[in-house]
Amino acid sequence: PDCIHCFEEEDKFHSKIYIMDKNVIVGSSNFTFGGLCKNKELNICVPFEDNAYNEIVEQFEHYWEESEPLT
């Protein structure tokens, strides 16, 4: 499936965007036990109703278009 992509950029790119139903979560947490439960991370949940929601999803789609499927 075409669900995991790799995005390469000269500068370090370490942000995460998790898109779920009616929310997006943007932050530093990796999708691991440590990233979600153990480490000190900073994330923000943006609800669908927030004006920033569409901007975040558009930014994600831009990076997705520029990335390559990870095989």
PDB file of N, CA and C in Angstrom:
ATOM      1  N   PRO A   1       0.819  -1.201   0.000  1.00  0.00           N
ATOM      2  CA  PRO A   1       0.000   0.000   0.000  1.00  0.00           C
ATOM      3  C   PRO A   1       0.857   1.257   0.000  1.00  0.00           C
ATOM      4  N   ASP A   2       0.283   2.306  -0.474  1.00  0.00           N
ATOM      5  CA  ASP A   2       0.971   3.585  -0.617  1.00  0.00           C
ATOM      6  C   ASP A   2       0.708   4.475   0.590  1.00  0.00           C
ATOM      7  N   CYS A   3       0.913   3.928   1.806  1.00  0.00           N
ATOM      8  CA  CYS A   3       0.544   4.683   2.999  1.00  0.00           C
ATOM      9  C   CYS A   3       1.743   5.183   3.794  1.00  0.00           C
ATOM     10  N   ILE A   4       2.947   4.742   3.464  1.00  0.00           N
ATOM     11  CA  ILE A   4       4.137   5.221   4.162  1.00  0.00           C
ATOM     12  C   ILE A   4       5.047   5.868   3.135  1.00  0.00           C
ATOM     13  N   HIS A   5       5.371   7.122   3.391  1.00  0.00           N
ATOM     14  CA  HIS A   5       6.221   7.867   2.464  1.00  0.00           C
ATOM     15  C   HIS A   5       7.461   8.364   3.187  1.00  0.00           C
ATOM     16  N   CYS A   6       8.482   8.636   2.416  1.00  0.00           N
ATOM     17  CA  CYS A   6       9.719   9.191   2.930  1.00  0.00           C
ATOM     18  C   CYS A   6       9.921  10.560   2.290  1.00  0.00           C
ATOM     19  N   PHE A   7      10.124  11.568   3.118  1.00  0.00           N
ATOM     20  CA  PHE A   7      10.350  12.932   2.636  1.00  0.00           C
ATOM     21  C   PHE A   7      11.765  13.323   2.996  1.00  0.00           C
ATOM     22  N   GLU A   8      12.566  13.652   1.992  1.00  0.00           N
ATOM     23  CA  GLU A   8      13.948  14.044   2.241  1.00  0.00           C
ATOM     24  C   GLU A   8      14.122  15.515   1.936  1.00  0.00           C
ATOM     25  N   GLU A   9      14.841  16.194   2.812  1.00  0.00           N
ATOM     26  CA  GLU A   9      15.101  17.607   2.652  1.00  0.00           C
ATOM     27  C   GLU A   9      16.494  17.873   3.220  1.00  0.00           C
ATOM     28  N   GLU A  10      17.173  18.883   2.692  1.00  0.00           N
ATOM     29  CA  GLU A  10      18.516  19.180   3.174  1.00  0.00           C
ATOM     30  C   GLU A  10      18.520  19.547   4.651  1.00  0.00           C
ATOM     31  N   ASP A  11      17.569  20.382   5.064  1.00  0.00           N
ATOM     32  CA  ASP A  11      17.471  20.745   6.478  1.00  0.00           C
ATOM     33  C   ASP A  11      16.772  19.625   7.230  1.00  0.00           C
ATOM     34  N   LYS A  12      17.045  19.538   8.513  1.00  0.00           N
ATOM     35  CA  LYS A  12      16.387  18.508   9.321  1.00  0.00           C
ATOM     36  C   LYS A  12      14.882  18.771   9.358  1.00  0.00           C
ATOM     37  N   PHE A  13      14.125  17.763   9.047  1.00  0.00           N
ATOM     38  CA  PHE A  13      12.662  17.831   9.022  1.00  0.00           C
ATOM     39  C   PHE A  13      12.166  16.808  10.024  1.00  0.00           C
ATOM     40  N   HIS A  14      11.661  17.262  11.163  1.00  0.00           N
ATOM     41  CA  HIS A  14      11.340  16.332  12.234  1.00  0.00           C
ATOM     42  C   HIS A  14       9.921  16.492  12.774  1.00  0.00           C
ATOM     43  N   SER A  15       9.116  17.318  12.149  1.00  0.00           N
ATOM     44  CA  SER A  15       7.758  17.538  12.647  1.00  0.00           C
ATOM     45  C   SER A  15       6.860  16.351  12.325  1.00  0.00           C
ATOM     46  N   LYS A  16       5.795  16.240  13.085  1.00  0.00           N
ATOM     47  CA  LYS A  16       4.818  15.176  12.860  1.00  0.00           C
ATOM     48  C   LYS A  16       3.440  15.790  12.734  1.00  0.00           C
ATOM     49  N   ILE A  17       2.631  15.234  11.846  1.00  0.00           N
ATOM     50  CA  ILE A  17       1.229  15.620  11.705  1.00  0.00           C
ATOM     51  C   ILE A  17       0.427  14.326  11.698  1.00  0.00           C
ATOM     52  N   TYR A  18      -0.465  14.193  12.656  1.00  0.00           N
ATOM     53  CA  TYR A  18      -1.359  13.040  12.715  1.00  0.00           C
ATOM     54  C   TYR A  18      -2.760  13.534  12.374  1.00  0.00           C
ATOM     55  N   ILE A  19      -3.340  13.012  11.306  1.00  0.00           N
ATOM     56  CA  ILE A  19      -4.664  13.430  10.864  1.00  0.00           C
ATOM     57  C   ILE A  19      -5.652  12.337  11.235  1.00  0.00           C
ATOM     58  N   MET A  20      -6.646  12.714  12.041  1.00  0.00           N
ATOM     59  CA  MET A  20      -7.664  11.769  12.485  1.00  0.00           C
ATOM     60  C   MET A  20      -9.029  12.421  12.332  1.00  0.00           C
ATOM     61  N   ASP A  21     -10.004  11.650  11.960  1.00  0.00           N
ATOM     62  CA  ASP A  21     -11.390  12.091  11.802  1.00  0.00           C
ATOM     63  C   ASP A  21     -11.559  13.611  11.737  1.00  0.00           C
ATOM     64  N   LYS A  22     -11.810  14.240  12.846  1.00  0.00           N
ATOM     65  CA  LYS A  22     -12.121  15.673  12.877  1.00  0.00           C
ATOM     66  C   LYS A  22     -11.062  16.486  13.603  1.00  0.00           C
ATOM     67  N   ASN A  23      -9.845  15.932  13.747  1.00  0.00           N
ATOM     68  CA  ASN A  23      -8.764  16.627  14.433  1.00  0.00           C
ATOM     69  C   ASN A  23      -7.443  16.366  13.726  1.00  0.00           C
ATOM     70  N   VAL A  24      -6.525  17.297  13.859  1.00  0.00           N
ATOM     71  CA  VAL A  24      -5.132  17.034  13.493  1.00  0.00           C
ATOM     72  C   VAL A  24      -4.294  17.303  14.740  1.00  0.00           C
ATOM     73  N   ILE A  25      -3.262  16.502  14.908  1.00  0.00           N
ATOM     74  CA  ILE A  25      -2.327  16.704  16.002  1.00  0.00           C
ATOM     75  C   ILE A  25      -0.979  17.027  15.369  1.00  0.00           C
ATOM     76  N   VAL A  26      -0.407  18.135  15.788  1.00  0.00           N
ATOM     77  CA  VAL A  26       0.886  18.579  15.281  1.00  0.00           C
ATOM     78  C   VAL A  26       1.833  18.659  16.459  1.00  0.00           C
ATOM     79  N   GLY A  27       3.029  18.100  16.290  1.00  0.00           N
ATOM     80  CA  GLY A  27       3.970  18.171  17.394  1.00  0.00           C
ATOM     81  C   GLY A  27       5.236  17.401  17.157  1.00  0.00           C
ATOM     82  N   SER A  28       5.867  17.034  18.262  1.00  0.00           N
ATOM     83  CA  SER A  28       7.182  16.403  18.206  1.00  0.00           C
ATOM     84  C   SER A  28       7.154  14.905  18.475  1.00  0.00           C
ATOM     85  N   SER A  29       6.021  14.358  18.892  1.00  0.00           N
ATOM     86  CA  SER A  29       5.972  12.950  19.309  1.00  0.00           C
ATOM     87  C   SER A  29       6.073  11.978  18.147  1.00  0.00           C
ATOM     88  N   ASN A  30       6.994  11.031  18.271  1.00  0.00           N
ATOM     89  CA  ASN A  30       7.005   9.900  17.354  1.00  0.00           C
ATOM     90  C   ASN A  30       5.855   8.976  17.732  1.00  0.00           C
ATOM     91  N   PHE A  31       5.404   8.166  16.797  1.00  0.00           N
ATOM     92  CA  PHE A  31       4.290   7.256  17.045  1.00  0.00           C
ATOM     93  C   PHE A  31       4.844   5.961  17.637  1.00  0.00           C
ATOM     94  N   THR A  32       5.434   6.095  18.822  1.00  0.00           N
ATOM     95  CA  THR A  32       6.026   4.970  19.556  1.00  0.00           C
ATOM     96  C   THR A  32       5.578   5.076  21.015  1.00  0.00           C
ATOM     97  N   PHE A  33       5.835   4.036  21.797  1.00  0.00           N
ATOM     98  CA  PHE A  33       5.507   4.091  23.223  1.00  0.00           C
ATOM     99  C   PHE A  33       6.220   5.265  23.877  1.00  0.00           C
ATOM    100  N   GLY A  34       7.511   5.392  23.608  1.00  0.00           N
ATOM    101  CA  GLY A  34       8.268   6.493  24.195  1.00  0.00           C
ATOM    102  C   GLY A  34       7.725   7.847  23.775  1.00  0.00           C
ATOM    103  N   GLY A  35       7.471   8.002  22.478  1.00  0.00           N
ATOM    104  CA  GLY A  35       6.993   9.280  21.976  1.00  0.00           C
ATOM    105  C   GLY A  35       5.615   9.653  22.476  1.00  0.00           C
ATOM    106  N   LEU A  36       4.775   8.655  22.701  1.00  0.00           N
ATOM    107  CA  LEU A  36       3.397   8.939  23.111  1.00  0.00           C
ATOM    108  C   LEU A  36       3.172   8.867  24.615  1.00  0.00           C
ATOM    109  N   CYS A  37       4.007   8.110  25.342  1.00  0.00           N
ATOM    110  CA  CYS A  37       3.726   7.884  26.763  1.00  0.00           C
ATOM    111  C   CYS A  37       4.872   8.236  27.713  1.00  0.00           C
ATOM    112  N   LYS A  38       6.114   8.161  27.266  1.00  0.00           N
ATOM    113  CA  LYS A  38       7.230   8.248  28.192  1.00  0.00           C
ATOM    114  C   LYS A  38       8.038   9.551  28.066  1.00  0.00           C
ATOM    115  N   ASN A  39       8.320   9.966  26.854  1.00  0.00           N
ATOM    116  CA  ASN A  39       9.155  11.148  26.629  1.00  0.00           C
ATOM    117  C   ASN A  39       8.403  12.437  26.936  1.00  0.00           C
ATOM    118  N   LYS A  40       9.167  13.496  27.122  1.00  0.00           N
ATOM    119  CA  LYS A  40       8.571  14.824  27.252  1.00  0.00           C
ATOM    120  C   LYS A  40       8.474  15.406  25.846  1.00  0.00           C
ATOM    121  N   GLU A  41       7.270  15.492  25.346  1.00  0.00           N
ATOM    122  CA  GLU A  41       7.013  15.967  23.996  1.00  0.00           C
ATOM    123  C   GLU A  41       6.009  17.109  24.055  1.00  0.00           C
ATOM    124  N   LEU A  42       5.872  17.825  22.964  1.00  0.00           N
ATOM    125  CA  LEU A  42       4.904  18.907  22.893  1.00  0.00           C
ATOM    126  C   LEU A  42       4.083  18.750  21.623  1.00  0.00           C
ATOM    127  N   ASN A  43       2.776  18.669  21.785  1.00  0.00           N
ATOM    128  CA  ASN A  43       1.852  18.501  20.672  1.00  0.00           C
ATOM    129  C   ASN A  43       0.652  19.407  20.891  1.00  0.00           C
ATOM    130  N   ILE A  44      -0.034  19.711  19.813  1.00  0.00           N
ATOM    131  CA  ILE A  44      -1.266  20.478  19.915  1.00  0.00           C
ATOM    132  C   ILE A  44      -2.319  19.811  19.042  1.00  0.00           C
ATOM    133  N   CYS A  45      -3.529  19.737  19.562  1.00  0.00           N
ATOM    134  CA  CYS A  45      -4.651  19.168  18.829  1.00  0.00           C
ATOM    135  C   CYS A  45      -5.460  20.321  18.238  1.00  0.00           C
ATOM    136  N   VAL A  46      -5.645  20.284  16.935  1.00  0.00           N
ATOM    137  CA  VAL A  46      -6.407  21.322  16.245  1.00  0.00           C
ATOM    138  C   VAL A  46      -7.701  20.695  15.736  1.00  0.00           C
ATOM    139  N   PRO A  47      -8.846  21.145  16.240  1.00  0.00           N
ATOM    140  CA  PRO A  47     -10.117  20.569  15.802  1.00  0.00           C
ATOM    141  C   PRO A  47     -10.514  21.048  14.409  1.00  0.00           C
ATOM    142  N   PHE A  48     -11.351  20.273  13.770  1.00  0.00           N
ATOM    143  CA  PHE A  48     -11.840  20.558  12.427  1.00  0.00           C
ATOM    144  C   PHE A  48     -12.407  21.972  12.312  1.00  0.00           C
ATOM    145  N   GLU A  49     -13.042  22.452  13.362  1.00  0.00           N
ATOM    146  CA  GLU A  49     -13.687  23.765  13.330  1.00  0.00           C
ATOM    147  C   GLU A  49     -12.697  24.925  13.339  1.00  0.00           C
ATOM    148  N   ASP A  50     -11.468  24.670  13.716  1.00  0.00           N
ATOM    149  CA  ASP A  50     -10.447  25.720  13.801  1.00  0.00           C
ATOM    150  C   ASP A  50      -9.977  26.101  12.402  1.00  0.00           C
ATOM    151  N   ASN A  51      -9.769  27.397  12.174  1.00  0.00           N
ATOM    152  CA  ASN A  51      -9.306  27.873  10.866  1.00  0.00           C
ATOM    153  C   ASN A  51      -7.974  27.265  10.456  1.00  0.00           C
ATOM    154  N   ALA A  52      -7.138  26.914  11.417  1.00  0.00           N
ATOM    155  CA  ALA A  52      -5.819  26.356  11.110  1.00  0.00           C
ATOM    156  C   ALA A  52      -5.891  24.921  10.585  1.00  0.00           C
ATOM    157  N   TYR A  53      -6.987  24.231  10.831  1.00  0.00           N
ATOM    158  CA  TYR A  53      -7.129  22.830  10.419  1.00  0.00           C
ATOM    159  C   TYR A  53      -6.832  22.663   8.933  1.00  0.00           C
ATOM    160  N   ASN A  54      -7.500  23.419   8.081  1.00  0.00           N
ATOM    161  CA  ASN A  54      -7.307  23.285   6.629  1.00  0.00           C
ATOM    162  C   ASN A  54      -5.893  23.634   6.204  1.00  0.00           C
ATOM    163  N   GLU A  55      -5.303  24.636   6.837  1.00  0.00           N
ATOM    164  CA  GLU A  55      -3.926  25.016   6.507  1.00  0.00           C
ATOM    165  C   GLU A  55      -2.955  23.882   6.824  1.00  0.00           C
ATOM    166  N   ILE A  56      -3.158  23.233   7.953  1.00  0.00           N
ATOM    167  CA  ILE A  56      -2.292  22.126   8.349  1.00  0.00           C
ATOM    168  C   ILE A  56      -2.444  20.955   7.388  1.00  0.00           C
ATOM    169  N   VAL A  57      -3.680  20.607   7.041  1.00  0.00           N
ATOM    170  CA  VAL A  57      -3.922  19.508   6.107  1.00  0.00           C
ATOM    171  C   VAL A  57      -3.330  19.833   4.737  1.00  0.00           C
ATOM    172  N   GLU A  58      -3.457  21.069   4.281  1.00  0.00           N
ATOM    173  CA  GLU A  58      -2.858  21.474   2.996  1.00  0.00           C
ATOM    174  C   GLU A  58      -1.342  21.347   3.035  1.00  0.00           C
ATOM    175  N   GLN A  59      -0.730  21.737   4.148  1.00  0.00           N
ATOM    176  CA  GLN A  59       0.728  21.616   4.281  1.00  0.00           C
ATOM    177  C   GLN A  59       1.137  20.153   4.242  1.00  0.00           C
ATOM    178  N   PHE A  60       0.392  19.292   4.953  1.00  0.00           N
ATOM    179  CA  PHE A  60       0.665  17.863   4.913  1.00  0.00           C
ATOM    180  C   PHE A  60       0.575  17.342   3.485  1.00  0.00           C
ATOM    181  N   GLU A  61      -0.477  17.713   2.766  1.00  0.00           N
ATOM    182  CA  GLU A  61      -0.664  17.241   1.391  1.00  0.00           C
ATOM    183  C   GLU A  61       0.474  17.699   0.488  1.00  0.00           C
ATOM    184  N   HIS A  62       0.999  18.905   0.729  1.00  0.00           N
ATOM    185  CA  HIS A  62       2.154  19.395  -0.037  1.00  0.00           C
ATOM    186  C   HIS A  62       3.361  18.477   0.183  1.00  0.00           C
ATOM    187  N   TYR A  63       3.659  18.188   1.444  1.00  0.00           N
ATOM    188  CA  TYR A  63       4.792  17.308   1.737  1.00  0.00           C
ATOM    189  C   TYR A  63       4.558  15.898   1.179  1.00  0.00           C
ATOM    190  N   TRP A  64       3.335  15.414   1.255  1.00  0.00           N
ATOM    191  CA  TRP A  64       2.999  14.078   0.733  1.00  0.00           C
ATOM    192  C   TRP A  64       3.273  14.022  -0.774  1.00  0.00           C
ATOM    193  N   GLU A  65       2.877  15.072  -1.491  1.00  0.00           N
ATOM    194  CA  GLU A  65       3.094  15.140  -2.942  1.00  0.00           C
ATOM    195  C   GLU A  65       4.587  15.132  -3.284  1.00  0.00           C
ATOM    196  N   GLU A  66       5.407  15.730  -2.414  1.00  0.00           N
ATOM    197  CA  GLU A  66       6.841  15.843  -2.646  1.00  0.00           C
ATOM    198  C   GLU A  66       7.606  14.599  -2.190  1.00  0.00           C
ATOM    199  N   SER A  67       6.950  13.706  -1.494  1.00  0.00           N
ATOM    200  CA  SER A  67       7.622  12.537  -0.938  1.00  0.00           C
ATOM    201  C   SER A  67       7.547  11.347  -1.882  1.00  0.00           C
ATOM    202  N   GLU A  68       8.258  10.298  -1.507  1.00  0.00           N
ATOM    203  CA  GLU A  68       8.289   9.063  -2.282  1.00  0.00           C
ATOM    204  C   GLU A  68       7.792   7.914  -1.420  1.00  0.00           C
ATOM    205  N   PRO A  69       7.070   6.956  -2.020  1.00  0.00           N
ATOM    206  CA  PRO A  69       6.665   5.786  -1.230  1.00  0.00           C
ATOM    207  C   PRO A  69       7.872   5.064  -0.661  1.00  0.00           C
ATOM    208  N   LEU A  70       7.771   4.637   0.577  1.00  0.00           N
ATOM    209  CA  LEU A  70       8.842   3.907   1.233  1.00  0.00           C
ATOM    210  C   LEU A  70       8.653   2.421   0.962  1.00  0.00           C
ATOM    211  N   THR A  71       9.643   1.818   0.331  1.00  0.00           N
ATOM    212  CA  THR A  71       9.558   0.397  -0.009  1.00  0.00           C
ATOM    213  C   THR A  71      10.663  -0.391   0.682  1.00  0.00           C
TER     214      THR A  71
END
